[in-house]
Amino acid sequence: MIRPRIRLPLWAAVVLPAAAYVARSVIRGGDFRPDLPGDAIVYGLLGLVIVAVGLARARAADGVDDKLTRQVDGEDSTSGEQG
């Protein structure tokens, strides 16, 4: 699997498209109406990607915690036997 070296915070993944939408609306003369169905599809997909990345990061963090817990438990049991 390809893993990017740059990690974008999830809040930035929301703010950047929102800022682009506002800039586009201002350039159009203050017309903030969305271009349907294009905008709906793009923002819906963006929402799915953000949710998927958030879940993947949470799952990866849980996996690391389990591994560290096993290591600590292993160290505790060996130090108790030697004492």
PDB file of N, CA and C in Angstrom:
ATOM      1  N   MET A   1       0.840  -1.167   0.000  1.00  0.00           N
ATOM      2  CA  MET A   1       0.000   0.000   0.000  1.00  0.00           C
ATOM      3  C   MET A   1       0.893   1.240   0.000  1.00  0.00           C
ATOM      4  N   ILE A   2       0.488   2.250  -0.721  1.00  0.00           N
ATOM      5  CA  ILE A   2       1.232   3.497  -0.778  1.00  0.00           C
ATOM      6  C   ILE A   2       0.864   4.334   0.445  1.00  0.00           C
ATOM      7  N   ARG A   3       1.853   4.804   1.144  1.00  0.00           N
ATOM      8  CA  ARG A   3       1.617   5.638   2.321  1.00  0.00           C
ATOM      9  C   ARG A   3       2.252   7.003   2.083  1.00  0.00           C
ATOM     10  N   PRO A   4       1.439   8.040   2.067  1.00  0.00           N
ATOM     11  CA  PRO A   4       2.009   9.372   1.829  1.00  0.00           C
ATOM     12  C   PRO A   4       2.835   9.844   3.022  1.00  0.00           C
ATOM     13  N   ARG A   5       3.834  10.659   2.734  1.00  0.00           N
ATOM     14  CA  ARG A   5       4.678  11.189   3.797  1.00  0.00           C
ATOM     15  C   ARG A   5       4.039  12.410   4.448  1.00  0.00           C
ATOM     16  N   ILE A   6       3.172  13.097   3.714  1.00  0.00           N
ATOM     17  CA  ILE A   6       2.518  14.287   4.239  1.00  0.00           C
ATOM     18  C   ILE A   6       1.187  13.869   4.852  1.00  0.00           C
ATOM     19  N   ARG A   7       0.962  14.281   6.089  1.00  0.00           N
ATOM     20  CA  ARG A   7      -0.320  13.989   6.746  1.00  0.00           C
ATOM     21  C   ARG A   7      -1.061  15.294   6.930  1.00  0.00           C
ATOM     22  N   LEU A   8      -2.235  15.371   6.362  1.00  0.00           N
ATOM     23  CA  LEU A   8      -3.085  16.544   6.446  1.00  0.00           C
ATOM     24  C   LEU A   8      -4.053  16.349   7.601  1.00  0.00           C
ATOM     25  N   PRO A   9      -4.101  17.298   8.530  1.00  0.00           N
ATOM     26  CA  PRO A   9      -5.078  17.171   9.622  1.00  0.00           C
ATOM     27  C   PRO A   9      -6.494  17.152   9.046  1.00  0.00           C
ATOM     28  N   LEU A  10      -7.389  16.419   9.706  1.00  0.00           N
ATOM     29  CA  LEU A  10      -8.754  16.305   9.202  1.00  0.00           C
ATOM     30  C   LEU A  10      -9.465  17.645   9.180  1.00  0.00           C
ATOM     31  N   TRP A  11      -9.153  18.527  10.129  1.00  0.00           N
ATOM     32  CA  TRP A  11      -9.804  19.835  10.120  1.00  0.00           C
ATOM     33  C   TRP A  11      -9.401  20.612   8.867  1.00  0.00           C
ATOM     34  N   ALA A  12      -8.167  20.445   8.404  1.00  0.00           N
ATOM     35  CA  ALA A  12      -7.718  21.138   7.196  1.00  0.00           C
ATOM     36  C   ALA A  12      -8.403  20.561   5.959  1.00  0.00           C
ATOM     37  N   ALA A  13      -8.716  19.268   6.001  1.00  0.00           N
ATOM     38  CA  ALA A  13      -9.415  18.648   4.875  1.00  0.00           C
ATOM     39  C   ALA A  13     -10.829  19.185   4.750  1.00  0.00           C
ATOM     40  N   VAL A  14     -11.362  19.771   5.796  1.00  0.00           N
ATOM     41  CA  VAL A  14     -12.683  20.405   5.749  1.00  0.00           C
ATOM     42  C   VAL A  14     -12.548  21.882   5.393  1.00  0.00           C
ATOM     43  N   VAL A  15     -11.559  22.542   5.982  1.00  0.00           N
ATOM     44  CA  VAL A  15     -11.407  23.987   5.797  1.00  0.00           C
ATOM     45  C   VAL A  15     -10.971  24.350   4.381  1.00  0.00           C
ATOM     46  N   LEU A  16     -10.072  23.593   3.786  1.00  0.00           N
ATOM     47  CA  LEU A  16      -9.577  23.933   2.447  1.00  0.00           C
ATOM     48  C   LEU A  16     -10.680  23.938   1.385  1.00  0.00           C
ATOM     49  N   PRO A  17     -11.511  22.905   1.276  1.00  0.00           N
ATOM     50  CA  PRO A  17     -12.597  22.977   0.294  1.00  0.00           C
ATOM     51  C   PRO A  17     -13.622  24.060   0.617  1.00  0.00           C
ATOM     52  N   ALA A  18     -13.864  24.302   1.898  1.00  0.00           N
ATOM     53  CA  ALA A  18     -14.806  25.360   2.271  1.00  0.00           C
ATOM     54  C   ALA A  18     -14.276  26.728   1.856  1.00  0.00           C
ATOM     55  N   ALA A  19     -12.983  26.946   2.041  1.00  0.00           N
ATOM     56  CA  ALA A  19     -12.376  28.210   1.621  1.00  0.00           C
ATOM     57  C   ALA A  19     -12.415  28.352   0.100  1.00  0.00           C
ATOM     58  N   ALA A  20     -12.184  27.259  -0.613  1.00  0.00           N
ATOM     59  CA  ALA A  20     -12.254  27.298  -2.075  1.00  0.00           C
ATOM     60  C   ALA A  20     -13.675  27.610  -2.534  1.00  0.00           C
ATOM     61  N   TYR A  21     -14.671  27.062  -1.853  1.00  0.00           N
ATOM     62  CA  TYR A  21     -16.066  27.323  -2.196  1.00  0.00           C
ATOM     63  C   TYR A  21     -16.414  28.794  -1.975  1.00  0.00           C
ATOM     64  N   VAL A  22     -15.953  29.350  -0.855  1.00  0.00           N
ATOM     65  CA  VAL A  22     -16.213  30.764  -0.570  1.00  0.00           C
ATOM     66  C   VAL A  22     -15.503  31.646  -1.599  1.00  0.00           C
ATOM     67  N   ALA A  23     -14.261  31.324  -1.926  1.00  0.00           N
ATOM     68  CA  ALA A  23     -13.522  32.105  -2.923  1.00  0.00           C
ATOM     69  C   ALA A  23     -14.227  32.045  -4.277  1.00  0.00           C
ATOM     70  N   ARG A  24     -14.683  30.867  -4.673  1.00  0.00           N
ATOM     71  CA  ARG A  24     -15.398  30.723  -5.944  1.00  0.00           C
ATOM     72  C   ARG A  24     -16.676  31.552  -5.936  1.00  0.00           C
ATOM     73  N   SER A  25     -17.364  31.546  -4.817  1.00  0.00           N
ATOM     74  CA  SER A  25     -18.613  32.306  -4.714  1.00  0.00           C
ATOM     75  C   SER A  25     -18.366  33.807  -4.785  1.00  0.00           C
ATOM     76  N   VAL A  26     -17.304  34.264  -4.152  1.00  0.00           N
ATOM     77  CA  VAL A  26     -16.972  35.691  -4.189  1.00  0.00           C
ATOM     78  C   VAL A  26     -16.578  36.100  -5.603  1.00  0.00           C
ATOM     79  N   ILE A  27     -15.808  35.265  -6.276  1.00  0.00           N
ATOM     80  CA  ILE A  27     -15.408  35.559  -7.655  1.00  0.00           C
ATOM     81  C   ILE A  27     -16.626  35.639  -8.561  1.00  0.00           C
ATOM     82  N   ARG A  28     -17.625  34.845  -8.293  1.00  0.00           N
ATOM     83  CA  ARG A  28     -18.856  34.857  -9.088  1.00  0.00           C
ATOM     84  C   ARG A  28     -19.755  36.043  -8.748  1.00  0.00           C
ATOM     85  N   GLY A  29     -19.326  36.901  -7.880  1.00  0.00           N
ATOM     86  CA  GLY A  29     -20.116  38.062  -7.541  1.00  0.00           C
ATOM     87  C   GLY A  29     -21.017  37.859  -6.342  1.00  0.00           C
ATOM     88  N   GLY A  30     -20.636  36.980  -5.455  1.00  0.00           N
ATOM     89  CA  GLY A  30     -21.411  36.757  -4.238  1.00  0.00           C
ATOM     90  C   GLY A  30     -22.514  35.727  -4.389  1.00  0.00           C
ATOM     91  N   ASP A  31     -22.461  34.939  -5.441  1.00  0.00           N
ATOM     92  CA  ASP A  31     -23.465  33.897  -5.667  1.00  0.00           C
ATOM     93  C   ASP A  31     -23.023  32.631  -4.939  1.00  0.00           C
ATOM     94  N   PHE A  32     -23.649  32.368  -3.790  1.00  0.00           N
ATOM     95  CA  PHE A  32     -23.250  31.227  -2.963  1.00  0.00           C
ATOM     96  C   PHE A  32     -24.081  29.972  -3.236  1.00  0.00           C
ATOM     97  N   ARG A  33     -24.881  29.985  -4.279  1.00  0.00           N
ATOM     98  CA  ARG A  33     -25.675  28.790  -4.596  1.00  0.00           C
ATOM     99  C   ARG A  33     -24.750  27.678  -5.106  1.00  0.00           C
ATOM    100  N   PRO A  34     -24.951  26.450  -4.637  1.00  0.00           N
ATOM    101  CA  PRO A  34     -24.101  25.348  -5.106  1.00  0.00           C
ATOM    102  C   PRO A  34     -24.458  24.954  -6.538  1.00  0.00           C
ATOM    103  N   ASP A  35     -23.462  24.453  -7.254  1.00  0.00           N
ATOM    104  CA  ASP A  35     -23.674  23.911  -8.591  1.00  0.00           C
ATOM    105  C   ASP A  35     -24.090  22.454  -8.429  1.00  0.00           C
ATOM    106  N   LEU A  36     -25.381  22.219  -8.535  1.00  0.00           N
ATOM    107  CA  LEU A  36     -25.880  20.852  -8.371  1.00  0.00           C
ATOM    108  C   LEU A  36     -25.917  20.167  -9.720  1.00  0.00           C
ATOM    109  N   PRO A  37     -25.658  18.923  -9.836  1.00  0.00           N
ATOM    110  CA  PRO A  37     -25.319  17.947  -8.800  1.00  0.00           C
ATOM    111  C   PRO A  37     -23.826  17.838  -8.544  1.00  0.00           C
ATOM    112  N   GLY A  38     -23.005  18.566  -9.291  1.00  0.00           N
ATOM    113  CA  GLY A  38     -21.542  18.442  -9.163  1.00  0.00           C
ATOM    114  C   GLY A  38     -21.027  18.696  -7.763  1.00  0.00           C
ATOM    115  N   ASP A  39     -21.427  19.810  -7.153  1.00  0.00           N
ATOM    116  CA  ASP A  39     -20.962  20.123  -5.804  1.00  0.00           C
ATOM    117  C   ASP A  39     -21.432  19.079  -4.792  1.00  0.00           C
ATOM    118  N   ALA A  40     -22.643  18.613  -4.939  1.00  0.00           N
ATOM    119  CA  ALA A  40     -23.168  17.614  -4.000  1.00  0.00           C
ATOM    120  C   ALA A  40     -22.356  16.319  -4.073  1.00  0.00           C
ATOM    121  N   ILE A  41     -22.012  15.914  -5.276  1.00  0.00           N
ATOM    122  CA  ILE A  41     -21.228  14.682  -5.435  1.00  0.00           C
ATOM    123  C   ILE A  41     -19.833  14.851  -4.854  1.00  0.00           C
ATOM    124  N   VAL A  42     -19.187  15.961  -5.183  1.00  0.00           N
ATOM    125  CA  VAL A  42     -17.815  16.189  -4.713  1.00  0.00           C
ATOM    126  C   VAL A  42     -17.770  16.295  -3.192  1.00  0.00           C
ATOM    127  N   TYR A  43     -18.676  17.073  -2.606  1.00  0.00           N
ATOM    128  CA  TYR A  43     -18.650  17.233  -1.152  1.00  0.00           C
ATOM    129  C   TYR A  43     -19.111  15.958  -0.437  1.00  0.00           C
ATOM    130  N   GLY A  44     -19.983  15.193  -1.053  1.00  0.00           N
ATOM    131  CA  GLY A  44     -20.365  13.899  -0.483  1.00  0.00           C
ATOM    132  C   GLY A  44     -19.192  12.931  -0.467  1.00  0.00           C
ATOM    133  N   LEU A  45     -18.455  12.875  -1.571  1.00  0.00           N
ATOM    134  CA  LEU A  45     -17.270  12.015  -1.619  1.00  0.00           C
ATOM    135  C   LEU A  45     -16.198  12.489  -0.645  1.00  0.00           C
ATOM    136  N   LEU A  46     -16.028  13.800  -0.539  1.00  0.00           N
ATOM    137  CA  LEU A  46     -15.065  14.335   0.418  1.00  0.00           C
ATOM    138  C   LEU A  46     -15.443  13.920   1.841  1.00  0.00           C
ATOM    139  N   GLY A  47     -16.715  13.991   2.155  1.00  0.00           N
ATOM    140  CA  GLY A  47     -17.174  13.569   3.476  1.00  0.00           C
ATOM    141  C   GLY A  47     -16.890  12.098   3.736  1.00  0.00           C
ATOM    142  N   LEU A  48     -17.122  11.249   2.736  1.00  0.00           N
ATOM    143  CA  LEU A  48     -16.827   9.823   2.893  1.00  0.00           C
ATOM    144  C   LEU A  48     -15.341   9.575   3.103  1.00  0.00           C
ATOM    145  N   VAL A  49     -14.504  10.289   2.369  1.00  0.00           N
ATOM    146  CA  VAL A  49     -13.055  10.117   2.510  1.00  0.00           C
ATOM    147  C   VAL A  49     -12.611  10.561   3.899  1.00  0.00           C
ATOM    148  N   ILE A  50     -13.134  11.679   4.381  1.00  0.00           N
ATOM    149  CA  ILE A  50     -12.753  12.172   5.706  1.00  0.00           C
ATOM    150  C   ILE A  50     -13.166  11.176   6.786  1.00  0.00           C
ATOM    151  N   VAL A  51     -14.358  10.621   6.678  1.00  0.00           N
ATOM    152  CA  VAL A  51     -14.813   9.626   7.650  1.00  0.00           C
ATOM    153  C   VAL A  51     -13.938   8.371   7.579  1.00  0.00           C
ATOM    154  N   ALA A  52     -13.622   7.914   6.366  1.00  0.00           N
ATOM    155  CA  ALA A  52     -12.796   6.714   6.211  1.00  0.00           C
ATOM    156  C   ALA A  52     -11.399   6.927   6.783  1.00  0.00           C
ATOM    157  N   VAL A  53     -10.805   8.080   6.527  1.00  0.00           N
ATOM    158  CA  VAL A  53      -9.468   8.364   7.057  1.00  0.00           C
ATOM    159  C   VAL A  53      -9.518   8.471   8.578  1.00  0.00           C
ATOM    160  N   GLY A  54     -10.538   9.113   9.107  1.00  0.00           N
ATOM    161  CA  GLY A  54     -10.675   9.216  10.565  1.00  0.00           C
ATOM    162  C   GLY A  54     -10.790   7.848  11.220  1.00  0.00           C
ATOM    163  N   LEU A  55     -11.600   6.978  10.620  1.00  0.00           N
ATOM    164  CA  LEU A  55     -11.741   5.622  11.161  1.00  0.00           C
ATOM    165  C   LEU A  55     -10.444   4.836  11.044  1.00  0.00           C
ATOM    166  N   ALA A  56      -9.744   4.986   9.921  1.00  0.00           N
ATOM    167  CA  ALA A  56      -8.483   4.275   9.728  1.00  0.00           C
ATOM    168  C   ALA A  56      -7.439   4.747  10.737  1.00  0.00           C
ATOM    169  N   ARG A  57      -7.383   6.059  10.970  1.00  0.00           N
ATOM    170  CA  ARG A  57      -6.424   6.571  11.954  1.00  0.00           C
ATOM    171  C   ARG A  57      -6.773   6.094  13.363  1.00  0.00           C
ATOM    172  N   ALA A  58      -8.052   6.062  13.687  1.00  0.00           N
ATOM    173  CA  ALA A  58      -8.460   5.590  15.010  1.00  0.00           C
ATOM    174  C   ALA A  58      -8.141   4.106  15.169  1.00  0.00           C
ATOM    175  N   ARG A  59      -8.376   3.343  14.120  1.00  0.00           N
ATOM    176  CA  ARG A  59      -8.086   1.905  14.180  1.00  0.00           C
ATOM    177  C   ARG A  59      -6.588   1.661  14.307  1.00  0.00           C
ATOM    178  N   ALA A  60      -5.793   2.430  13.575  1.00  0.00           N
ATOM    179  CA  ALA A  60      -4.337   2.276  13.662  1.00  0.00           C
ATOM    180  C   ALA A  60      -3.839   2.648  15.051  1.00  0.00           C
ATOM    181  N   ALA A  61      -4.416   3.687  15.637  1.00  0.00           N
ATOM    182  CA  ALA A  61      -4.015   4.090  16.990  1.00  0.00           C
ATOM    183  C   ALA A  61      -4.383   3.010  18.000  1.00  0.00           C
ATOM    184  N   ASP A  62      -5.530   2.367  17.832  1.00  0.00           N
ATOM    185  CA  ASP A  62      -5.929   1.293  18.741  1.00  0.00           C
ATOM    186  C   ASP A  62      -4.989   0.107  18.615  1.00  0.00           C
ATOM    187  N   GLY A  63      -4.562  -0.211  17.403  1.00  0.00           N
ATOM    188  CA  GLY A  63      -3.643  -1.327  17.192  1.00  0.00           C
ATOM    189  C   GLY A  63      -2.310  -1.086  17.855  1.00  0.00           C
ATOM    190  N   VAL A  64      -1.817   0.142  17.815  1.00  0.00           N
ATOM    191  CA  VAL A  64      -0.549   0.476  18.456  1.00  0.00           C
ATOM    192  C   VAL A  64      -0.690   0.348  19.964  1.00  0.00           C
ATOM    193  N   ASP A  65      -1.801   0.799  20.509  1.00  0.00           N
ATOM    194  CA  ASP A  65      -2.011   0.698  21.949  1.00  0.00           C
ATOM    195  C   ASP A  65      -2.027  -0.761  22.403  1.00  0.00           C
ATOM    196  N   ASP A  66      -2.657  -1.643  21.615  1.00  0.00           N
ATOM    197  CA  ASP A  66      -2.698  -3.057  21.976  1.00  0.00           C
ATOM    198  C   ASP A  66      -1.300  -3.656  21.972  1.00  0.00           C
ATOM    199  N   LYS A  67      -0.496  -3.290  20.987  1.00  0.00           N
ATOM    200  CA  LYS A  67       0.862  -3.825  20.895  1.00  0.00           C
ATOM    201  C   LYS A  67       1.693  -3.353  22.086  1.00  0.00           C
ATOM    202  N   LEU A  68       1.575  -2.075  22.422  1.00  0.00           N
ATOM    203  CA  LEU A  68       2.314  -1.555  23.564  1.00  0.00           C
ATOM    204  C   LEU A  68       1.837  -2.183  24.866  1.00  0.00           C
ATOM    205  N   THR A  69       0.546  -2.422  24.977  1.00  0.00           N
ATOM    206  CA  THR A  69       0.008  -3.053  26.185  1.00  0.00           C
ATOM    207  C   THR A  69       0.583  -4.459  26.343  1.00  0.00           C
ATOM    208  N   ARG A  70       0.654  -5.215  25.259  1.00  0.00           N
ATOM    209  CA  ARG A  70       1.231  -6.563  25.325  1.00  0.00           C
ATOM    210  C   ARG A  70       2.698  -6.501  25.733  1.00  0.00           C
ATOM    211  N   GLN A  71       3.428  -5.504  25.208  1.00  0.00           N
ATOM    212  CA  GLN A  71       4.842  -5.384  25.571  1.00  0.00           C
ATOM    213  C   GLN A  71       4.999  -5.064  27.055  1.00  0.00           C
ATOM    214  N   VAL A  72       4.194  -4.158  27.550  1.00  0.00           N
ATOM    215  CA  VAL A  72       4.277  -3.787  28.967  1.00  0.00           C
ATOM    216  C   VAL A  72       3.879  -4.970  29.840  1.00  0.00           C
ATOM    217  N   ASP A  73       2.813  -5.672  29.464  1.00  0.00           N
ATOM    218  CA  ASP A  73       2.391  -6.834  30.239  1.00  0.00           C
ATOM    219  C   ASP A  73       3.477  -7.899  30.240  1.00  0.00           C
ATOM    220  N   GLY A  74       4.136  -8.082  29.108  1.00  0.00           N
ATOM    221  CA  GLY A  74       5.216  -9.064  29.025  1.00  0.00           C
ATOM    222  C   GLY A  74       6.389  -8.682  29.915  1.00  0.00           C
ATOM    223  N   GLU A  75       6.720  -7.399  29.948  1.00  0.00           N
ATOM    224  CA  GLU A  75       7.828  -6.940  30.789  1.00  0.00           C
ATOM    225  C   GLU A  75       7.478  -7.082  32.260  1.00  0.00           C
ATOM    226  N   ASP A  76       6.235  -6.836  32.630  1.00  0.00           N
ATOM    227  CA  ASP A  76       5.819  -6.961  34.014  1.00  0.00           C
ATOM    228  C   ASP A  76       5.897  -8.404  34.481  1.00  0.00           C
ATOM    229  N   SER A  77       5.477  -9.331  33.635  1.00  0.00           N
ATOM    230  CA  SER A  77       5.488 -10.737  34.057  1.00  0.00           C
ATOM    231  C   SER A  77       6.914 -11.265  34.185  1.00  0.00           C
ATOM    232  N   THR A  78       7.810 -10.821  33.324  1.00  0.00           N
ATOM    233  CA  THR A  78       9.194 -11.306  33.426  1.00  0.00           C
ATOM    234  C   THR A  78       9.914 -10.688  34.612  1.00  0.00           C
ATOM    235  N   SER A  79       9.617  -9.409  34.913  1.00  0.00           N
ATOM    236  CA  SER A  79      10.296  -8.782  36.057  1.00  0.00           C
ATOM    237  C   SER A  79       9.771  -9.361  37.368  1.00  0.00           C
ATOM    238  N   GLY A  80       8.525  -9.769  37.405  1.00  0.00           N
ATOM    239  CA  GLY A  80       7.963 -10.354  38.617  1.00  0.00           C
ATOM    240  C   GLY A  80       8.543 -11.730  38.896  1.00  0.00           C
ATOM    241  N   GLU A  81       8.864 -12.480  37.858  1.00  0.00           N
ATOM    242  CA  GLU A  81       9.412 -13.807  38.039  1.00  0.00           C
ATOM    243  C   GLU A  81      10.854 -13.748  38.516  1.00  0.00           C
ATOM    244  N   GLN A  82      11.571 -12.690  38.103  1.00  0.00           N
ATOM    245  CA  GLN A  82      12.980 -12.604  38.463  1.00  0.00           C
ATOM    246  C   GLN A  82      13.166 -12.100  39.894  1.00  0.00           C
ATOM    247  N   GLY A  83      12.200 -11.315  40.392  1.00  0.00           N
ATOM    248  CA  GLY A  83      12.334 -10.624  41.654  1.00  0.00           C
ATOM    249  C   GLY A  83      12.355 -11.472  42.821  1.00  0.00           C
TER     250      GLY A  83
END
